[in-house]
Amino acid sequence: MELCEVQVNGCVLPDVYGSHCNKSCPSNCRNHTCHIQNGVCSECEPGWTGTTCNTKCSNGWYGQECKQQCPEHCRNNALCNHVTGQCDEGCDAGWTGTLCDKVCDDGNYGYDCINNCSGNCLYGSSCNKQTGVCSRGCNPGYTDALCSKRCVQSFGEKCRYSCSKHCLNKTCHEVNGNCVYGCEMGFFGDQCDKDICSHLKLAQTSSSSLWIYVGPVSFGMNIFVTIGIIFCIW
């Protein structure tokens, strides 16, 4: 009996197959290698499936062997990239990160967390991470849903108090109501709510009584008060 020696040789190049090694392995075979006879891929590149790796992962899945589920927070409910899992259209409001799986940090909101909260939410609370709305309300001096609008000719919580009509330009500090540019003539005080004439009349009454006790010492005060009252009458 004679024994025959049979030699089996593979293809020299790793990315070809067939009896003459003249066929290219499917492009999505992992490492571009396939079975030397039939071209079947032993493994697929991430994002692909099937014997020749020519089928994309089903919607909502991605990665190696299509075993990973897409993130839930892609913008506009878009599908993720079937290879990387990334949201090609960006993240939904309130989310960020490569896979849109991280909630916005406190102080940020919106798509991909690119917007800054106003910083005027009540008691320093954080704004809504999707909309930027201050859910607990605004600090005194600010209004609107985002608490980004300063009170105008008003002040305090929810801008409910009007600036004094005797403030110059009707302008006061948005928090405490103090007149920013001073008072109209005839008024004084932080909020320009004190009438000079009324105070002078009161001072005249007090200085008249004082004359009885201190005599001429109050002479100068009487002159001052009298001049002020003449101005008020005028």
C-alpha atoms as a PDB file:
ATOM      1  CA  MET A   1       0.000   0.000   0.000  1.00  0.00           C
ATOM      2  CA  GLU A   2       1.264   3.425  -0.941  1.00  0.00           C
ATOM      3  CA  LEU A   3       0.623   6.476   1.212  1.00  0.00           C
ATOM      4  CA  CYS A   4      -0.153   9.787  -0.473  1.00  0.00           C
ATOM      5  CA  GLU A   5       0.791  13.072   1.062  1.00  0.00           C
ATOM      6  CA  VAL A   6      -1.833  15.814   0.698  1.00  0.00           C
ATOM      7  CA  GLN A   7      -0.790  19.396   1.354  1.00  0.00           C
ATOM      8  CA  VAL A   8      -3.451  21.991   2.160  1.00  0.00           C
ATOM      9  CA  ASN A   9      -2.368  25.607   1.855  1.00  0.00           C
ATOM     10  CA  GLY A  10      -4.385  28.672   2.843  1.00  0.00           C
ATOM     11  CA  CYS A  11      -4.343  31.997   1.042  1.00  0.00           C
ATOM     12  CA  VAL A  12      -1.218  34.031   1.561  1.00  0.00           C
ATOM     13  CA  LEU A  13      -3.150  37.258   2.149  1.00  0.00           C
ATOM     14  CA  PRO A  14      -5.553  37.325   5.129  1.00  0.00           C
ATOM     15  CA  ASP A  15      -8.381  39.287   3.492  1.00  0.00           C
ATOM     16  CA  VAL A  16      -9.100  37.026   0.506  1.00  0.00           C
ATOM     17  CA  TYR A  17     -10.685  33.596   0.008  1.00  0.00           C
ATOM     18  CA  GLY A  18     -11.681  31.084  -2.656  1.00  0.00           C
ATOM     19  CA  SER A  19      -9.908  28.336  -4.557  1.00  0.00           C
ATOM     20  CA  HIS A  20      -7.695  30.861  -6.264  1.00  0.00           C
ATOM     21  CA  CYS A  21      -7.631  33.353  -3.376  1.00  0.00           C
ATOM     22  CA  ASN A  22      -9.023  35.963  -5.705  1.00  0.00           C
ATOM     23  CA  LYS A  23     -12.134  36.985  -3.789  1.00  0.00           C
ATOM     24  CA  SER A  24     -12.074  39.709  -1.141  1.00  0.00           C
ATOM     25  CA  CYS A  25     -13.504  38.959   2.277  1.00  0.00           C
ATOM     26  CA  PRO A  26     -16.647  40.964   3.119  1.00  0.00           C
ATOM     27  CA  SER A  27     -15.666  44.465   4.209  1.00  0.00           C
ATOM     28  CA  ASN A  28     -17.297  44.191   7.631  1.00  0.00           C
ATOM     29  CA  CYS A  29     -15.604  40.967   8.711  1.00  0.00           C
ATOM     30  CA  ARG A  30     -13.658  41.650  11.865  1.00  0.00           C
ATOM     31  CA  ASN A  31      -9.981  42.220  11.103  1.00  0.00           C
ATOM     32  CA  HIS A  32     -10.948  41.690   7.443  1.00  0.00           C
ATOM     33  CA  THR A  33     -10.549  37.930   7.737  1.00  0.00           C
ATOM     34  CA  CYS A  34     -12.996  35.252   6.586  1.00  0.00           C
ATOM     35  CA  HIS A  35     -13.221  31.506   5.894  1.00  0.00           C
ATOM     36  CA  ILE A  36     -10.787  30.674   3.115  1.00  0.00           C
ATOM     37  CA  GLN A  37     -13.310  28.548   1.231  1.00  0.00           C
ATOM     38  CA  ASN A  38     -16.719  30.250   1.526  1.00  0.00           C
ATOM     39  CA  GLY A  39     -15.911  33.776   2.726  1.00  0.00           C
ATOM     40  CA  VAL A  40     -18.050  33.527   5.883  1.00  0.00           C
ATOM     41  CA  CYS A  41     -16.980  35.913   8.629  1.00  0.00           C
ATOM     42  CA  SER A  42     -16.107  34.362  11.949  1.00  0.00           C
ATOM     43  CA  GLU A  43     -16.873  37.694  13.630  1.00  0.00           C
ATOM     44  CA  CYS A  44     -18.246  41.033  12.478  1.00  0.00           C
ATOM     45  CA  GLU A  45     -17.036  44.540  13.046  1.00  0.00           C
ATOM     46  CA  PRO A  46     -19.139  46.490  15.617  1.00  0.00           C
ATOM     47  CA  GLY A  47     -22.497  47.530  14.174  1.00  0.00           C
ATOM     48  CA  TRP A  48     -22.859  44.627  11.739  1.00  0.00           C
ATOM     49  CA  THR A  49     -24.320  41.145  11.787  1.00  0.00           C
ATOM     50  CA  GLY A  50     -25.004  38.145   9.499  1.00  0.00           C
ATOM     51  CA  THR A  51     -22.780  35.433   8.056  1.00  0.00           C
ATOM     52  CA  THR A  52     -21.074  37.928   5.772  1.00  0.00           C
ATOM     53  CA  CYS A  53     -21.571  40.901   8.134  1.00  0.00           C
ATOM     54  CA  ASN A  54     -23.534  42.920   5.600  1.00  0.00           C
ATOM     55  CA  THR A  55     -26.540  43.650   7.784  1.00  0.00           C
ATOM     56  CA  LYS A  56     -26.705  46.639  10.119  1.00  0.00           C
ATOM     57  CA  CYS A  57     -27.759  46.158  13.714  1.00  0.00           C
ATOM     58  CA  SER A  58     -31.511  46.319  14.229  1.00  0.00           C
ATOM     59  CA  ASN A  59     -32.905  49.729  15.155  1.00  0.00           C
ATOM     60  CA  GLY A  60     -32.108  50.561  18.760  1.00  0.00           C
ATOM     61  CA  TRP A  61     -29.039  48.342  18.990  1.00  0.00           C
ATOM     62  CA  TYR A  62     -25.354  48.866  18.299  1.00  0.00           C
ATOM     63  CA  GLY A  63     -21.811  47.647  18.871  1.00  0.00           C
ATOM     64  CA  GLN A  64     -20.115  44.258  18.903  1.00  0.00           C
ATOM     65  CA  GLU A  65     -22.589  41.544  17.854  1.00  0.00           C
ATOM     66  CA  CYS A  66     -25.309  44.223  18.136  1.00  0.00           C
ATOM     67  CA  LYS A  67     -25.761  43.376  21.793  1.00  0.00           C
ATOM     68  CA  GLN A  68     -25.776  46.894  23.212  1.00  0.00           C
ATOM     69  CA  GLN A  69     -28.939  48.948  23.435  1.00  0.00           C
ATOM     70  CA  CYS A  70     -29.025  52.550  22.230  1.00  0.00           C
ATOM     71  CA  PRO A  71     -29.244  55.355  24.810  1.00  0.00           C
ATOM     72  CA  GLU A  72     -32.713  56.617  25.682  1.00  0.00           C
ATOM     73  CA  HIS A  73     -31.879  60.303  25.415  1.00  0.00           C
ATOM     74  CA  CYS A  74     -30.920  60.967  21.801  1.00  0.00           C
ATOM     75  CA  ARG A  75     -32.306  64.276  20.546  1.00  0.00           C
ATOM     76  CA  ASN A  76     -35.794  64.099  19.020  1.00  0.00           C
ATOM     77  CA  ASN A  77     -35.928  60.369  19.812  1.00  0.00           C
ATOM     78  CA  ALA A  78     -33.453  59.713  16.991  1.00  0.00           C
ATOM     79  CA  LEU A  79     -31.737  56.340  16.697  1.00  0.00           C
ATOM     80  CA  CYS A  80     -28.153  56.055  17.825  1.00  0.00           C
ATOM     81  CA  ASN A  81     -25.252  55.255  15.528  1.00  0.00           C
ATOM     82  CA  HIS A  82     -25.344  51.480  14.903  1.00  0.00           C
ATOM     83  CA  VAL A  83     -21.553  51.269  15.231  1.00  0.00           C
ATOM     84  CA  THR A  84     -20.629  53.595  18.130  1.00  0.00           C
ATOM     85  CA  GLY A  85     -23.929  54.047  19.968  1.00  0.00           C
ATOM     86  CA  GLN A  86     -23.484  57.816  19.868  1.00  0.00           C
ATOM     87  CA  CYS A  87     -26.437  60.099  19.198  1.00  0.00           C
ATOM     88  CA  ASP A  88     -25.515  61.622  15.835  1.00  0.00           C
ATOM     89  CA  GLU A  89     -28.063  64.441  16.244  1.00  0.00           C
ATOM     90  CA  GLY A  90     -26.931  65.272  19.773  1.00  0.00           C
ATOM     91  CA  CYS A  91     -28.501  64.739  23.177  1.00  0.00           C
ATOM     92  CA  ASP A  92     -31.999  65.484  24.328  1.00  0.00           C
ATOM     93  CA  ALA A  93     -32.622  68.437  26.632  1.00  0.00           C
ATOM     94  CA  GLY A  94     -31.154  67.820  30.064  1.00  0.00           C
ATOM     95  CA  TRP A  95     -28.588  65.236  28.958  1.00  0.00           C
ATOM     96  CA  THR A  96     -24.956  65.176  27.826  1.00  0.00           C
ATOM     97  CA  GLY A  97     -22.000  62.823  27.410  1.00  0.00           C
ATOM     98  CA  THR A  98     -20.726  60.682  24.548  1.00  0.00           C
ATOM     99  CA  LEU A  99     -23.746  58.400  24.869  1.00  0.00           C
ATOM    100  CA  CYS A 100     -26.108  61.073  26.249  1.00  0.00           C
ATOM    101  CA  ASP A 101     -26.288  59.156  29.506  1.00  0.00           C
ATOM    102  CA  LYS A 102     -25.246  61.927  31.898  1.00  0.00           C
ATOM    103  CA  VAL A 103     -27.674  64.386  33.465  1.00  0.00           C
ATOM    104  CA  CYS A 104     -26.767  68.078  33.170  1.00  0.00           C
ATOM    105  CA  ASP A 105     -24.758  69.452  36.084  1.00  0.00           C
ATOM    106  CA  ASP A 106     -26.542  71.847  38.404  1.00  0.00           C
ATOM    107  CA  GLY A 107     -26.539  75.257  36.766  1.00  0.00           C
ATOM    108  CA  ASN A 108     -26.880  73.989  33.198  1.00  0.00           C
ATOM    109  CA  TYR A 109     -29.838  72.982  31.069  1.00  0.00           C
ATOM    110  CA  GLY A 110     -31.095  72.330  27.546  1.00  0.00           C
ATOM    111  CA  TYR A 111     -29.819  70.293  24.598  1.00  0.00           C
ATOM    112  CA  ASP A 112     -26.364  68.913  25.420  1.00  0.00           C
ATOM    113  CA  CYS A 113     -26.488  71.090  28.578  1.00  0.00           C
ATOM    114  CA  ILE A 114     -25.066  74.079  26.694  1.00  0.00           C
ATOM    115  CA  ASN A 115     -27.223  76.723  28.436  1.00  0.00           C
ATOM    116  CA  ASN A 116     -26.561  78.304  31.831  1.00  0.00           C
ATOM    117  CA  CYS A 117     -29.320  78.771  34.381  1.00  0.00           C
ATOM    118  CA  SER A 118     -30.042  82.412  35.186  1.00  0.00           C
ATOM    119  CA  GLY A 119     -28.568  82.102  38.665  1.00  0.00           C
ATOM    120  CA  ASN A 120     -31.594  83.907  40.110  1.00  0.00           C
ATOM    121  CA  CYS A 121     -33.716  80.922  41.139  1.00  0.00           C
ATOM    122  CA  LEU A 122     -35.160  81.260  44.651  1.00  0.00           C
ATOM    123  CA  TYR A 123     -32.722  80.484  47.489  1.00  0.00           C
ATOM    124  CA  GLY A 124     -30.038  79.473  44.983  1.00  0.00           C
ATOM    125  CA  SER A 125     -31.979  76.431  43.814  1.00  0.00           C
ATOM    126  CA  SER A 126     -31.085  74.878  40.471  1.00  0.00           C
ATOM    127  CA  CYS A 127     -33.228  75.447  37.411  1.00  0.00           C
ATOM    128  CA  ASN A 128     -35.036  72.669  35.550  1.00  0.00           C
ATOM    129  CA  LYS A 129     -32.383  70.794  33.568  1.00  0.00           C
ATOM    130  CA  GLN A 130     -34.591  70.411  30.526  1.00  0.00           C
ATOM    131  CA  THR A 131     -36.217  73.847  30.296  1.00  0.00           C
ATOM    132  CA  GLY A 132     -34.209  76.209  32.517  1.00  0.00           C
ATOM    133  CA  VAL A 133     -37.370  77.192  34.412  1.00  0.00           C
ATOM    134  CA  CYS A 134     -36.956  78.062  38.097  1.00  0.00           C
ATOM    135  CA  SER A 135     -39.545  75.698  39.540  1.00  0.00           C
ATOM    136  CA  ARG A 136     -39.457  77.237  43.033  1.00  0.00           C
ATOM    137  CA  GLY A 137     -39.708  80.820  41.818  1.00  0.00           C
ATOM    138  CA  CYS A 138     -37.268  83.731  41.614  1.00  0.00           C
ATOM    139  CA  ASN A 139     -35.094  85.609  44.052  1.00  0.00           C
ATOM    140  CA  PRO A 140     -36.414  89.082  44.918  1.00  0.00           C
ATOM    141  CA  GLY A 141     -35.751  91.490  42.075  1.00  0.00           C
ATOM    142  CA  TYR A 142     -36.310  89.046  39.224  1.00  0.00           C
ATOM    143  CA  THR A 143     -39.237  87.688  37.273  1.00  0.00           C
ATOM    144  CA  ASP A 144     -40.363  85.494  34.327  1.00  0.00           C
ATOM    145  CA  ALA A 145     -40.127  81.697  34.130  1.00  0.00           C
ATOM    146  CA  LEU A 146     -36.346  81.650  33.857  1.00  0.00           C
ATOM    147  CA  CYS A 147     -35.883  84.458  36.413  1.00  0.00           C
ATOM    148  CA  SER A 148     -33.685  86.216  33.880  1.00  0.00           C
ATOM    149  CA  LYS A 149     -35.632  89.492  33.759  1.00  0.00           C
ATOM    150  CA  ARG A 150     -34.912  92.213  36.321  1.00  0.00           C
ATOM    151  CA  CYS A 151     -37.748  94.172  37.828  1.00  0.00           C
ATOM    152  CA  VAL A 152     -38.414  97.440  35.978  1.00  0.00           C
ATOM    153  CA  GLN A 153     -39.721 100.370  38.071  1.00  0.00           C
ATOM    154  CA  SER A 154     -40.590  97.758  40.678  1.00  0.00           C
ATOM    155  CA  PHE A 155     -38.805  95.623  43.257  1.00  0.00           C
ATOM    156  CA  GLY A 156     -39.002  92.731  45.666  1.00  0.00           C
ATOM    157  CA  GLU A 157     -40.417  89.230  45.362  1.00  0.00           C
ATOM    158  CA  LYS A 158     -42.167  88.759  42.016  1.00  0.00           C
ATOM    159  CA  CYS A 159     -41.585  92.493  41.408  1.00  0.00           C
ATOM    160  CA  ARG A 160     -44.804  93.144  43.301  1.00  0.00           C
ATOM    161  CA  TYR A 161     -43.815  96.528  44.780  1.00  0.00           C
ATOM    162  CA  SER A 162     -43.621  99.712  42.725  1.00  0.00           C
ATOM    163  CA  CYS A 163     -40.644 102.045  43.011  1.00  0.00           C
ATOM    164  CA  SER A 164     -41.410 105.315  44.773  1.00  0.00           C
ATOM    165  CA  LYS A 165     -42.900 107.852  42.376  1.00  0.00           C
ATOM    166  CA  HIS A 166     -40.387 110.314  43.800  1.00  0.00           C
ATOM    167  CA  CYS A 167     -37.331 108.348  42.627  1.00  0.00           C
ATOM    168  CA  LEU A 168     -35.535 110.116  39.814  1.00  0.00           C
ATOM    169  CA  ASN A 169     -36.340 108.334  36.534  1.00  0.00           C
ATOM    170  CA  LYS A 170     -38.765 106.195  38.584  1.00  0.00           C
ATOM    171  CA  THR A 171     -35.808 103.823  38.984  1.00  0.00           C
ATOM    172  CA  CYS A 172     -35.030 101.874  42.129  1.00  0.00           C
ATOM    173  CA  HIS A 173     -32.910  98.919  43.174  1.00  0.00           C
ATOM    174  CA  GLU A 174     -34.665  95.722  42.123  1.00  0.00           C
ATOM    175  CA  VAL A 175     -34.220  94.040  45.513  1.00  0.00           C
ATOM    176  CA  ASN A 176     -34.632  96.685  48.247  1.00  0.00           C
ATOM    177  CA  GLY A 177     -36.410  99.506  46.403  1.00  0.00           C
ATOM    178  CA  ASN A 178     -33.802 102.168  47.187  1.00  0.00           C
ATOM    179  CA  CYS A 179     -33.797 104.967  44.618  1.00  0.00           C
ATOM    180  CA  VAL A 180     -30.780 104.492  42.354  1.00  0.00           C
ATOM    181  CA  TYR A 181     -30.373 108.061  41.067  1.00  0.00           C
ATOM    182  CA  GLY A 182     -31.646 109.997  44.072  1.00  0.00           C
ATOM    183  CA  CYS A 183     -34.881 111.804  44.848  1.00  0.00           C
ATOM    184  CA  GLU A 184     -37.026 114.434  43.257  1.00  0.00           C
ATOM    185  CA  MET A 185     -36.806 117.883  44.856  1.00  0.00           C
ATOM    186  CA  GLY A 186     -38.684 117.983  48.132  1.00  0.00           C
ATOM    187  CA  PHE A 187     -38.163 114.359  49.091  1.00  0.00           C
ATOM    188  CA  PHE A 188     -35.442 112.369  50.807  1.00  0.00           C
ATOM    189  CA  GLY A 189     -34.705 108.940  52.296  1.00  0.00           C
ATOM    190  CA  ASP A 190     -33.409 105.731  50.745  1.00  0.00           C
ATOM    191  CA  GLN A 191     -36.709 105.252  48.970  1.00  0.00           C
ATOM    192  CA  CYS A 192     -37.500 108.963  48.636  1.00  0.00           C
ATOM    193  CA  ASP A 193     -40.601 108.420  50.725  1.00  0.00           C
ATOM    194  CA  LYS A 194     -40.026 111.263  53.197  1.00  0.00           C
ATOM    195  CA  ASP A 195     -41.475 114.708  52.526  1.00  0.00           C
ATOM    196  CA  ILE A 196     -39.001 117.477  53.429  1.00  0.00           C
ATOM    197  CA  CYS A 197     -41.774 120.024  54.085  1.00  0.00           C
ATOM    198  CA  SER A 198     -43.597 117.779  56.534  1.00  0.00           C
ATOM    199  CA  HIS A 199     -40.387 117.199  58.446  1.00  0.00           C
ATOM    200  CA  LEU A 200     -39.563 120.921  58.507  1.00  0.00           C
ATOM    201  CA  LYS A 201     -42.967 121.755  59.961  1.00  0.00           C
ATOM    202  CA  LEU A 202     -42.428 119.149  62.629  1.00  0.00           C
ATOM    203  CA  ALA A 203     -38.982 120.582  63.263  1.00  0.00           C
ATOM    204  CA  GLN A 204     -40.467 124.078  63.641  1.00  0.00           C
ATOM    205  CA  THR A 205     -42.852 122.838  66.312  1.00  0.00           C
ATOM    206  CA  SER A 206     -40.048 121.102  68.135  1.00  0.00           C
ATOM    207  CA  SER A 207     -37.708 124.098  67.904  1.00  0.00           C
ATOM    208  CA  SER A 208     -40.398 126.481  69.241  1.00  0.00           C
ATOM    209  CA  SER A 209     -40.693 124.325  72.342  1.00  0.00           C
ATOM    210  CA  LEU A 210     -36.948 124.157  72.572  1.00  0.00           C
ATOM    211  CA  TRP A 211     -36.729 127.976  72.630  1.00  0.00           C
ATOM    212  CA  ILE A 212     -38.440 127.990  75.985  1.00  0.00           C
ATOM    213  CA  TYR A 213     -35.654 125.934  77.545  1.00  0.00           C
ATOM    214  CA  VAL A 214     -32.513 126.959  75.726  1.00  0.00           C
ATOM    215  CA  GLY A 215     -33.333 130.444  74.548  1.00  0.00           C
ATOM    216  CA  PRO A 216     -31.055 131.988  71.941  1.00  0.00           C
ATOM    217  CA  VAL A 217     -29.260 128.688  71.257  1.00  0.00           C
ATOM    218  CA  SER A 218     -32.193 127.679  69.087  1.00  0.00           C
ATOM    219  CA  PHE A 219     -32.225 130.994  67.192  1.00  0.00           C
ATOM    220  CA  GLY A 220     -30.209 129.600  64.290  1.00  0.00           C
ATOM    221  CA  MET A 221     -32.404 126.505  64.096  1.00  0.00           C
ATOM    222  CA  ASN A 222     -35.543 128.648  63.925  1.00  0.00           C
ATOM    223  CA  ILE A 223     -34.096 130.641  61.065  1.00  0.00           C
ATOM    224  CA  PHE A 224     -33.230 127.435  59.180  1.00  0.00           C
ATOM    225  CA  VAL A 225     -36.662 125.906  59.724  1.00  0.00           C
ATOM    226  CA  THR A 226     -38.420 129.147  58.804  1.00  0.00           C
ATOM    227  CA  ILE A 227     -36.481 129.439  55.541  1.00  0.00           C
ATOM    228  CA  GLY A 228     -37.341 125.788  54.748  1.00  0.00           C
ATOM    229  CA  ILE A 229     -41.042 126.371  55.357  1.00  0.00           C
ATOM    230  CA  ILE A 230     -41.030 129.472  53.142  1.00  0.00           C
ATOM    231  CA  PHE A 231     -39.452 127.283  50.421  1.00  0.00           C
ATOM    232  CA  CYS A 232     -42.128 124.651  50.878  1.00  0.00           C
ATOM    233  CA  ILE A 233     -44.913 127.259  50.616  1.00  0.00           C
ATOM    234  CA  TRP A 234     -43.277 128.719  47.561  1.00  0.00           C
END
